């Protein structure tokens, strides 16, 4: 499931970057990987952590994760990285995958994680927020250009109005 949703996002980016193909009627050039990733990982992580407290909290935990992920997608991804429609498409794709994954875990017994392992994991995540981030955009640009034969990767769809940066 994880590879499938990443493949959908990657395919949307390669189709647009290589050939300029997007969903013009929906104003979607690419599906937001930022919104998809947040909406996939956060609900699953919150649900798994909530199960550590009490298994009955698994779906409320996922719900809280979904709310935070959608808030992030609409308020952080949409105004600065992608248009709202692309952020919503990514959040929807990630949410469906997260809920599908959690549904598949329904009959699986999740053992308690030792507190030391949880603390080490959280410290690891916190430390990684300070390191340089890898972006796949350059790789996707090279793949799209090499497959399509275009001189450069498409950056902005012709149908989209210019961004008014005075409002940001």
N, C-alpha and C. Protein backbone atom coordinates (compact mmCIF):
# COMPACT_ATOMS: atom_id res chain seq x y z
N UNK A 1 0.83 -1.19 0.00
CA UNK A 1 0.00 0.00 0.00
C UNK A 1 0.88 1.26 0.00
N UNK A 2 1.92 1.24 0.82
CA UNK A 2 2.82 2.38 0.93
C UNK A 2 3.46 2.69 -0.42
N UNK A 3 4.01 1.67 -1.06
CA UNK A 3 4.64 1.88 -2.37
C UNK A 3 3.63 2.34 -3.41
N UNK A 4 2.41 1.86 -3.32
CA UNK A 4 1.36 2.23 -4.27
C UNK A 4 1.06 3.72 -4.22
N UNK A 5 0.87 4.28 -3.02
CA UNK A 5 0.55 5.71 -2.94
C UNK A 5 1.74 6.58 -3.33
N UNK A 6 2.95 6.15 -2.97
CA UNK A 6 4.13 6.90 -3.40
C UNK A 6 4.28 6.83 -4.92
N UNK A 7 3.94 5.69 -5.51
CA UNK A 7 4.00 5.54 -6.97
C UNK A 7 3.00 6.47 -7.66
N UNK A 8 1.81 6.63 -7.07
CA UNK A 8 0.81 7.53 -7.65
C UNK A 8 1.33 8.97 -7.64
N UNK A 9 1.89 9.40 -6.52
CA UNK A 9 2.43 10.76 -6.43
C UNK A 9 3.59 10.92 -7.41
N UNK A 10 4.50 9.94 -7.43
CA UNK A 10 5.63 10.00 -8.35
C UNK A 10 5.19 10.03 -9.80
N UNK A 11 4.21 9.21 -10.15
CA UNK A 11 3.71 9.19 -11.53
C UNK A 11 3.08 10.53 -11.91
N UNK A 12 2.34 11.14 -10.97
CA UNK A 12 1.72 12.44 -11.28
C UNK A 12 2.79 13.49 -11.55
N UNK A 13 3.88 13.42 -10.78
CA UNK A 13 4.96 14.39 -10.96
C UNK A 13 5.72 14.15 -12.26
N UNK A 14 5.98 12.90 -12.59
CA UNK A 14 6.69 12.59 -13.84
C UNK A 14 5.84 12.95 -15.05
N UNK A 15 4.54 12.65 -15.01
CA UNK A 15 3.65 13.01 -16.11
C UNK A 15 3.63 14.52 -16.34
N UNK A 16 3.58 15.28 -15.25
CA UNK A 16 3.55 16.73 -15.41
C UNK A 16 4.92 17.27 -15.82
N UNK A 17 5.96 16.88 -15.10
CA UNK A 17 7.30 17.42 -15.37
C UNK A 17 7.82 17.04 -16.76
N UNK A 18 7.43 15.87 -17.25
CA UNK A 18 7.91 15.43 -18.55
C UNK A 18 7.07 15.87 -19.72
N UNK A 19 5.76 15.85 -19.55
CA UNK A 19 4.86 16.13 -20.67
C UNK A 19 3.89 17.27 -20.40
N UNK A 20 3.86 17.78 -19.20
CA UNK A 20 2.91 18.84 -18.87
C UNK A 20 1.50 18.33 -18.67
N UNK A 21 1.36 17.02 -18.39
CA UNK A 21 0.04 16.40 -18.22
C UNK A 21 -0.40 16.54 -16.77
N UNK A 22 -1.57 17.11 -16.57
CA UNK A 22 -2.17 17.25 -15.25
C UNK A 22 -3.67 17.20 -15.39
N UNK A 23 -4.36 17.45 -14.32
CA UNK A 23 -5.83 17.50 -14.34
C UNK A 23 -6.26 18.97 -14.36
N UNK A 24 -6.27 19.55 -15.56
CA UNK A 24 -6.56 20.97 -15.70
C UNK A 24 -7.93 21.34 -15.13
N UNK A 25 -8.93 20.49 -15.34
CA UNK A 25 -10.28 20.80 -14.85
C UNK A 25 -10.33 20.92 -13.33
N UNK A 26 -9.40 20.25 -12.64
CA UNK A 26 -9.35 20.32 -11.17
C UNK A 26 -8.22 21.23 -10.68
N UNK A 27 -7.48 21.84 -11.60
CA UNK A 27 -6.32 22.69 -11.30
C UNK A 27 -5.26 21.91 -10.52
N UNK A 28 -5.06 20.65 -10.93
CA UNK A 28 -4.05 19.80 -10.30
C UNK A 28 -2.99 19.46 -11.33
N UNK A 29 -1.79 19.99 -11.14
CA UNK A 29 -0.67 19.61 -12.00
C UNK A 29 -0.02 18.35 -11.44
N UNK A 30 0.21 18.31 -10.13
CA UNK A 30 0.80 17.16 -9.46
C UNK A 30 0.06 16.94 -8.14
N UNK A 31 0.17 15.74 -7.62
CA UNK A 31 -0.39 15.45 -6.30
C UNK A 31 0.68 15.78 -5.28
N UNK A 32 0.32 16.51 -4.25
CA UNK A 32 1.28 16.93 -3.24
C UNK A 32 1.82 15.75 -2.44
N UNK A 33 3.11 15.54 -2.55
CA UNK A 33 3.77 14.51 -1.76
C UNK A 33 3.87 14.90 -0.30
N UNK A 34 4.01 16.22 -0.05
CA UNK A 34 4.06 16.69 1.34
C UNK A 34 2.76 16.34 2.08
N UNK A 35 1.64 16.68 1.46
CA UNK A 35 0.34 16.43 2.09
C UNK A 35 0.05 14.93 2.17
N UNK A 36 0.41 14.18 1.11
CA UNK A 36 0.17 12.73 1.13
C UNK A 36 0.98 12.07 2.24
N UNK A 37 2.25 12.42 2.33
CA UNK A 37 3.11 11.80 3.33
C UNK A 37 2.64 12.11 4.75
N UNK A 38 2.29 13.36 5.00
CA UNK A 38 1.81 13.75 6.33
C UNK A 38 0.51 13.01 6.67
N UNK A 39 -0.40 12.93 5.71
CA UNK A 39 -1.70 12.29 5.95
C UNK A 39 -1.60 10.77 6.01
N UNK A 40 -0.51 10.22 5.53
CA UNK A 40 -0.28 8.78 5.63
C UNK A 40 0.40 8.43 6.95
N UNK A 41 1.45 9.14 7.27
CA UNK A 41 2.29 8.77 8.42
C UNK A 41 1.68 9.19 9.76
N UNK A 42 1.20 10.41 9.86
CA UNK A 42 0.73 10.92 11.15
C UNK A 42 -0.45 10.12 11.74
N UNK A 43 -1.50 9.83 10.97
CA UNK A 43 -2.59 9.03 11.57
C UNK A 43 -2.14 7.63 12.01
N UNK A 44 -1.27 7.00 11.21
CA UNK A 44 -0.78 5.67 11.58
C UNK A 44 0.05 5.76 12.86
N UNK A 45 0.95 6.73 12.91
CA UNK A 45 1.80 6.89 14.11
C UNK A 45 0.95 7.19 15.34
N UNK A 46 -0.01 8.09 15.21
CA UNK A 46 -0.87 8.45 16.35
C UNK A 46 -1.70 7.24 16.80
N UNK A 47 -2.19 6.47 15.85
CA UNK A 47 -2.98 5.29 16.19
C UNK A 47 -2.12 4.25 16.91
N UNK A 48 -0.92 4.01 16.39
CA UNK A 48 -0.05 3.02 17.02
C UNK A 48 0.40 3.47 18.42
N UNK A 49 0.65 4.77 18.56
CA UNK A 49 0.99 5.27 19.90
C UNK A 49 -0.20 5.19 20.85
N UNK A 50 -1.39 5.50 20.35
CA UNK A 50 -2.60 5.42 21.19
C UNK A 50 -2.87 3.98 21.62
N UNK A 51 -2.57 3.02 20.77
CA UNK A 51 -2.72 1.60 21.13
C UNK A 51 -1.84 1.22 22.30
N UNK A 52 -0.72 1.92 22.46
CA UNK A 52 0.18 1.63 23.57
C UNK A 52 -0.48 1.98 24.90
N UNK A 53 -1.35 2.97 24.89
CA UNK A 53 -2.06 3.37 26.10
C UNK A 53 -3.24 2.43 26.33
N UNK A 54 -4.07 2.30 25.29
CA UNK A 54 -5.25 1.43 25.37
C UNK A 54 -5.70 1.15 23.94
N UNK A 55 -5.88 -0.11 23.57
CA UNK A 55 -6.28 -0.44 22.19
C UNK A 55 -7.56 0.26 21.72
N UNK A 56 -8.42 0.62 22.67
CA UNK A 56 -9.66 1.31 22.29
C UNK A 56 -9.40 2.71 21.75
N UNK A 57 -8.21 3.26 22.00
CA UNK A 57 -7.88 4.61 21.55
C UNK A 57 -7.30 4.63 20.14
N UNK A 58 -7.21 3.45 19.47
CA UNK A 58 -6.54 3.39 18.17
C UNK A 58 -7.22 4.26 17.12
N UNK A 59 -8.53 4.20 17.01
CA UNK A 59 -9.22 5.01 15.99
C UNK A 59 -9.34 6.47 16.39
N UNK A 60 -9.62 6.79 17.66
CA UNK A 60 -9.56 8.22 18.03
C UNK A 60 -8.16 8.81 17.80
N UNK A 61 -7.12 8.03 18.07
CA UNK A 61 -5.75 8.50 17.81
C UNK A 61 -5.54 8.77 16.33
N UNK A 62 -6.04 7.85 15.50
CA UNK A 62 -5.94 8.04 14.05
C UNK A 62 -6.72 9.29 13.62
N UNK A 63 -7.88 9.49 14.23
CA UNK A 63 -8.70 10.67 13.91
C UNK A 63 -7.98 11.97 14.24
N UNK A 64 -7.33 12.01 15.39
CA UNK A 64 -6.55 13.19 15.77
C UNK A 64 -5.42 13.39 14.76
N UNK A 65 -4.75 12.30 14.38
CA UNK A 65 -3.69 12.39 13.38
C UNK A 65 -4.20 12.91 12.05
N UNK A 66 -5.38 12.46 11.64
CA UNK A 66 -5.97 12.94 10.39
C UNK A 66 -6.30 14.43 10.47
N UNK A 67 -6.86 14.86 11.58
CA UNK A 67 -7.19 16.28 11.75
C UNK A 67 -5.93 17.15 11.66
N UNK A 68 -4.87 16.74 12.34
CA UNK A 68 -3.62 17.50 12.31
C UNK A 68 -3.04 17.49 10.90
N UNK A 69 -3.05 16.34 10.23
CA UNK A 69 -2.50 16.22 8.88
C UNK A 69 -3.27 17.10 7.89
N UNK A 70 -4.60 17.11 7.98
CA UNK A 70 -5.40 17.95 7.08
C UNK A 70 -5.18 19.43 7.40
N UNK A 71 -5.08 19.77 8.67
CA UNK A 71 -4.79 21.16 9.03
C UNK A 71 -3.45 21.58 8.42
N UNK A 72 -2.43 20.75 8.57
CA UNK A 72 -1.11 21.03 8.00
C UNK A 72 -1.19 21.16 6.48
N UNK A 73 -1.90 20.25 5.83
CA UNK A 73 -2.00 20.28 4.37
C UNK A 73 -2.66 21.56 3.87
N UNK A 74 -3.70 21.98 4.54
CA UNK A 74 -4.45 23.16 4.10
C UNK A 74 -3.76 24.46 4.50
N UNK A 75 -3.16 24.49 5.68
CA UNK A 75 -2.59 25.74 6.18
C UNK A 75 -1.09 25.91 5.95
N UNK A 76 -0.38 24.84 5.72
CA UNK A 76 1.08 24.95 5.53
C UNK A 76 1.51 24.54 4.13
N UNK A 77 0.95 23.47 3.61
CA UNK A 77 1.34 23.03 2.26
C UNK A 77 0.68 23.92 1.21
N UNK A 78 -0.64 24.12 1.33
CA UNK A 78 -1.38 24.84 0.29
C UNK A 78 -0.90 26.27 0.06
N UNK A 79 -0.69 27.08 1.05
CA UNK A 79 -0.33 28.46 0.72
C UNK A 79 1.11 28.62 0.22
N UNK A 80 1.98 27.68 0.53
CA UNK A 80 3.41 27.90 0.27
C UNK A 80 4.05 26.94 -0.72
N UNK A 81 3.52 25.72 -0.85
CA UNK A 81 4.19 24.72 -1.68
C UNK A 81 3.34 24.33 -2.89
N UNK A 82 2.06 24.09 -2.67
CA UNK A 82 1.15 23.63 -3.72
C UNK A 82 -0.15 24.44 -3.65
N UNK A 83 -0.88 24.51 -4.77
CA UNK A 83 -2.24 25.06 -4.70
C UNK A 83 -3.12 24.17 -3.81
N UNK A 84 -4.18 24.74 -3.32
CA UNK A 84 -5.07 24.02 -2.40
C UNK A 84 -5.54 22.69 -2.98
N UNK A 85 -5.90 22.66 -4.27
CA UNK A 85 -6.41 21.43 -4.87
C UNK A 85 -5.36 20.31 -4.83
N UNK A 86 -4.11 20.65 -5.07
CA UNK A 86 -3.05 19.64 -5.04
C UNK A 86 -2.80 19.15 -3.62
N UNK A 87 -2.88 20.06 -2.66
CA UNK A 87 -2.71 19.67 -1.26
C UNK A 87 -3.86 18.76 -0.82
N UNK A 88 -5.07 19.09 -1.22
CA UNK A 88 -6.23 18.26 -0.86
C UNK A 88 -6.12 16.88 -1.51
N UNK A 89 -5.69 16.83 -2.77
CA UNK A 89 -5.53 15.54 -3.45
C UNK A 89 -4.51 14.68 -2.71
N UNK A 90 -3.40 15.28 -2.30
CA UNK A 90 -2.39 14.54 -1.55
C UNK A 90 -2.90 14.08 -0.20
N UNK A 91 -3.59 14.97 0.51
CA UNK A 91 -4.12 14.62 1.83
C UNK A 91 -5.17 13.50 1.72
N UNK A 92 -5.99 13.57 0.70
CA UNK A 92 -7.00 12.53 0.50
C UNK A 92 -6.35 11.18 0.20
N UNK A 93 -5.36 11.17 -0.67
CA UNK A 93 -4.66 9.93 -1.01
C UNK A 93 -3.98 9.34 0.23
N UNK A 94 -3.27 10.16 0.99
CA UNK A 94 -2.61 9.69 2.20
C UNK A 94 -3.59 9.21 3.25
N UNK A 95 -4.70 9.90 3.40
CA UNK A 95 -5.71 9.52 4.39
C UNK A 95 -6.34 8.17 4.08
N UNK A 96 -6.65 7.96 2.81
CA UNK A 96 -7.24 6.67 2.40
C UNK A 96 -6.25 5.54 2.66
N UNK A 97 -4.98 5.77 2.31
CA UNK A 97 -3.96 4.73 2.52
C UNK A 97 -3.76 4.47 4.01
N UNK A 98 -3.74 5.52 4.82
CA UNK A 98 -3.56 5.35 6.27
C UNK A 98 -4.71 4.55 6.86
N UNK A 99 -5.93 4.92 6.51
CA UNK A 99 -7.10 4.21 7.05
C UNK A 99 -7.13 2.77 6.56
N UNK A 100 -6.76 2.53 5.31
CA UNK A 100 -6.69 1.17 4.79
C UNK A 100 -5.67 0.34 5.54
N UNK A 101 -4.50 0.92 5.79
CA UNK A 101 -3.45 0.22 6.54
C UNK A 101 -3.93 -0.10 7.95
N UNK A 102 -4.52 0.89 8.62
CA UNK A 102 -5.00 0.67 9.99
C UNK A 102 -6.13 -0.36 10.02
N UNK A 103 -6.97 -0.36 9.00
CA UNK A 103 -8.04 -1.36 8.93
C UNK A 103 -7.44 -2.77 8.82
N UNK A 104 -6.37 -2.90 8.04
CA UNK A 104 -5.69 -4.20 7.90
C UNK A 104 -5.07 -4.66 9.22
N UNK A 105 -4.76 -3.71 10.11
CA UNK A 105 -4.18 -4.06 11.42
C UNK A 105 -5.22 -4.42 12.47
N UNK A 106 -6.48 -4.29 12.13
CA UNK A 106 -7.55 -4.48 13.11
C UNK A 106 -7.45 -5.79 13.89
N UNK A 107 -7.15 -6.87 13.23
CA UNK A 107 -7.11 -8.17 13.90
C UNK A 107 -5.69 -8.58 14.28
N UNK A 108 -4.77 -7.63 14.26
CA UNK A 108 -3.39 -7.90 14.62
C UNK A 108 -3.14 -7.39 16.03
N UNK A 109 -2.55 -8.24 16.84
CA UNK A 109 -2.21 -7.81 18.19
C UNK A 109 -0.89 -7.03 18.14
N UNK A 110 -0.96 -5.81 18.59
CA UNK A 110 0.23 -4.95 18.63
C UNK A 110 0.77 -5.02 20.06
N UNK A 111 2.00 -5.52 20.18
CA UNK A 111 2.59 -5.64 21.52
C UNK A 111 3.05 -4.28 22.02
N UNK A 112 3.12 -4.18 23.33
CA UNK A 112 3.60 -2.94 23.96
C UNK A 112 5.06 -2.71 23.61
N UNK A 113 5.37 -1.49 23.26
CA UNK A 113 6.75 -1.11 22.98
C UNK A 113 7.35 -0.62 24.28
N UNK A 114 8.55 -1.10 24.61
CA UNK A 114 9.18 -0.63 25.86
C UNK A 114 9.35 0.89 25.85
N UNK A 115 9.15 1.51 27.00
CA UNK A 115 9.23 2.97 27.10
C UNK A 115 10.58 3.50 26.61
N UNK A 116 11.64 2.78 26.91
CA UNK A 116 12.98 3.22 26.46
C UNK A 116 13.04 3.28 24.94
N UNK A 117 12.44 2.31 24.26
CA UNK A 117 12.44 2.31 22.79
C UNK A 117 11.63 3.48 22.25
N UNK A 118 10.50 3.80 22.90
CA UNK A 118 9.70 4.95 22.48
C UNK A 118 10.49 6.25 22.63
N UNK A 119 11.17 6.40 23.75
CA UNK A 119 11.95 7.62 24.00
C UNK A 119 13.09 7.72 22.98
N UNK A 120 13.79 6.63 22.73
CA UNK A 120 14.88 6.64 21.75
C UNK A 120 14.34 7.00 20.37
N UNK A 121 13.21 6.44 20.01
CA UNK A 121 12.59 6.74 18.71
C UNK A 121 12.21 8.20 18.58
N UNK A 122 11.61 8.76 19.63
CA UNK A 122 11.22 10.17 19.61
C UNK A 122 12.44 11.09 19.56
N UNK A 123 13.50 10.74 20.28
CA UNK A 123 14.75 11.52 20.24
C UNK A 123 15.34 11.46 18.83
N UNK A 124 15.33 10.28 18.22
CA UNK A 124 15.83 10.11 16.86
C UNK A 124 15.06 11.00 15.88
N UNK A 125 13.74 11.01 15.99
CA UNK A 125 12.91 11.84 15.12
C UNK A 125 13.22 13.32 15.37
N UNK A 126 13.31 13.72 16.63
CA UNK A 126 13.61 15.12 16.96
C UNK A 126 14.97 15.54 16.39
N UNK A 127 15.97 14.69 16.51
CA UNK A 127 17.30 15.03 15.98
C UNK A 127 17.27 15.14 14.46
N UNK A 128 16.48 14.30 13.81
CA UNK A 128 16.41 14.34 12.35
C UNK A 128 15.68 15.57 11.83
N UNK A 129 14.93 16.24 12.65
CA UNK A 129 14.29 17.47 12.20
C UNK A 129 15.31 18.60 12.02
N UNK A 130 16.51 18.42 12.56
CA UNK A 130 17.54 19.45 12.46
C UNK A 130 18.54 19.18 11.34
N UNK A 131 18.43 18.03 10.68
CA UNK A 131 19.39 17.69 9.63
C UNK A 131 18.91 18.17 8.27
N UNK A 132 19.83 18.20 7.30
CA UNK A 132 19.49 18.61 5.95
C UNK A 132 18.51 17.60 5.35
N UNK A 133 17.51 18.10 4.67
CA UNK A 133 16.48 17.25 4.08
C UNK A 133 16.83 16.89 2.64
N UNK A 134 16.50 15.69 2.25
CA UNK A 134 16.67 15.23 0.88
C UNK A 134 15.39 15.52 0.12
N UNK A 135 15.51 16.08 -1.05
CA UNK A 135 14.34 16.32 -1.88
C UNK A 135 14.44 15.47 -3.14
N UNK A 136 13.36 14.89 -3.53
CA UNK A 136 13.34 14.03 -4.71
C UNK A 136 13.03 14.82 -5.98
N UNK A 137 12.79 16.12 -5.86
CA UNK A 137 12.41 16.91 -7.03
C UNK A 137 13.43 16.85 -8.15
N UNK A 138 14.73 16.97 -7.83
CA UNK A 138 15.75 16.93 -8.87
C UNK A 138 15.78 15.56 -9.54
N UNK A 139 15.63 14.51 -8.77
CA UNK A 139 15.61 13.16 -9.33
C UNK A 139 14.41 13.00 -10.25
N UNK A 140 13.23 13.43 -9.80
CA UNK A 140 12.03 13.34 -10.62
C UNK A 140 12.16 14.18 -11.88
N UNK A 141 12.78 15.36 -11.77
CA UNK A 141 13.00 16.19 -12.96
C UNK A 141 13.86 15.44 -13.98
N UNK A 142 14.95 14.84 -13.54
CA UNK A 142 15.85 14.11 -14.45
C UNK A 142 15.13 12.92 -15.08
N UNK A 143 14.36 12.18 -14.28
CA UNK A 143 13.63 11.03 -14.82
C UNK A 143 12.62 11.49 -15.86
N UNK A 144 11.84 12.52 -15.53
CA UNK A 144 10.81 13.01 -16.44
C UNK A 144 11.41 13.51 -17.75
N UNK A 145 12.49 14.26 -17.67
CA UNK A 145 13.13 14.80 -18.87
C UNK A 145 13.73 13.67 -19.71
N UNK A 146 14.36 12.70 -19.06
CA UNK A 146 14.97 11.61 -19.83
C UNK A 146 13.93 10.72 -20.50
N UNK A 147 12.80 10.49 -19.84
CA UNK A 147 11.75 9.66 -20.43
C UNK A 147 11.02 10.40 -21.55
N UNK A 148 10.69 11.67 -21.31
CA UNK A 148 9.88 12.42 -22.26
C UNK A 148 10.69 13.00 -23.42
N UNK A 149 11.97 13.23 -23.19
CA UNK A 149 12.78 13.87 -24.22
C UNK A 149 12.66 15.39 -24.22
N UNK A 150 11.97 15.93 -23.23
CA UNK A 150 11.83 17.38 -23.14
C UNK A 150 13.19 18.00 -22.79
N UNK A 151 13.36 19.27 -23.15
CA UNK A 151 14.62 19.95 -22.85
C UNK A 151 14.76 20.22 -21.35
N UNK A 152 13.66 20.65 -20.72
CA UNK A 152 13.64 20.91 -19.28
C UNK A 152 12.30 20.41 -18.73
N UNK A 153 12.28 20.25 -17.43
CA UNK A 153 11.05 19.81 -16.77
C UNK A 153 10.05 20.95 -16.73
N UNK A 154 8.77 20.62 -16.91
CA UNK A 154 7.71 21.61 -16.75
C UNK A 154 7.69 22.06 -15.30
N UNK A 155 7.55 23.35 -15.07
CA UNK A 155 7.52 23.89 -13.71
C UNK A 155 6.13 24.36 -13.30
N UNK A 156 5.45 24.99 -14.24
CA UNK A 156 4.16 25.60 -13.93
C UNK A 156 3.20 25.33 -15.09
N UNK A 157 2.00 24.86 -14.80
CA UNK A 157 1.07 24.60 -15.89
C UNK A 157 0.62 25.90 -16.57
N UNK A 158 0.45 25.82 -17.87
CA UNK A 158 0.02 27.01 -18.63
C UNK A 158 -1.36 27.50 -18.20
N UNK A 159 -2.21 26.58 -17.75
CA UNK A 159 -3.58 26.96 -17.41
C UNK A 159 -3.70 27.69 -16.08
N UNK A 160 -2.67 27.62 -15.23
CA UNK A 160 -2.75 28.20 -13.90
C UNK A 160 -2.39 29.68 -13.93
N UNK A 161 -3.20 30.47 -13.26
CA UNK A 161 -2.94 31.92 -13.17
C UNK A 161 -1.68 32.16 -12.33
N UNK A 162 -0.95 33.21 -12.61
CA UNK A 162 0.23 33.52 -11.81
C UNK A 162 -0.13 33.73 -10.33
N UNK A 163 0.80 33.38 -9.46
CA UNK A 163 0.60 33.53 -8.01
C UNK A 163 0.77 34.99 -7.63
N UNK A 164 -0.16 35.50 -6.84
CA UNK A 164 -0.06 36.87 -6.32
C UNK A 164 0.74 36.82 -5.02
N UNK A 165 2.03 37.12 -5.10
CA UNK A 165 2.90 37.02 -3.93
C UNK A 165 2.68 38.15 -2.94
N UNK A 166 1.92 39.16 -3.30
CA UNK A 166 1.68 40.25 -2.35
C UNK A 166 0.76 39.80 -1.22
N UNK A 167 0.02 38.71 -1.43
CA UNK A 167 -0.90 38.23 -0.40
C UNK A 167 -0.25 37.23 0.54
N UNK A 168 0.94 36.76 0.22
CA UNK A 168 1.61 35.77 1.07
C UNK A 168 2.32 36.40 2.22
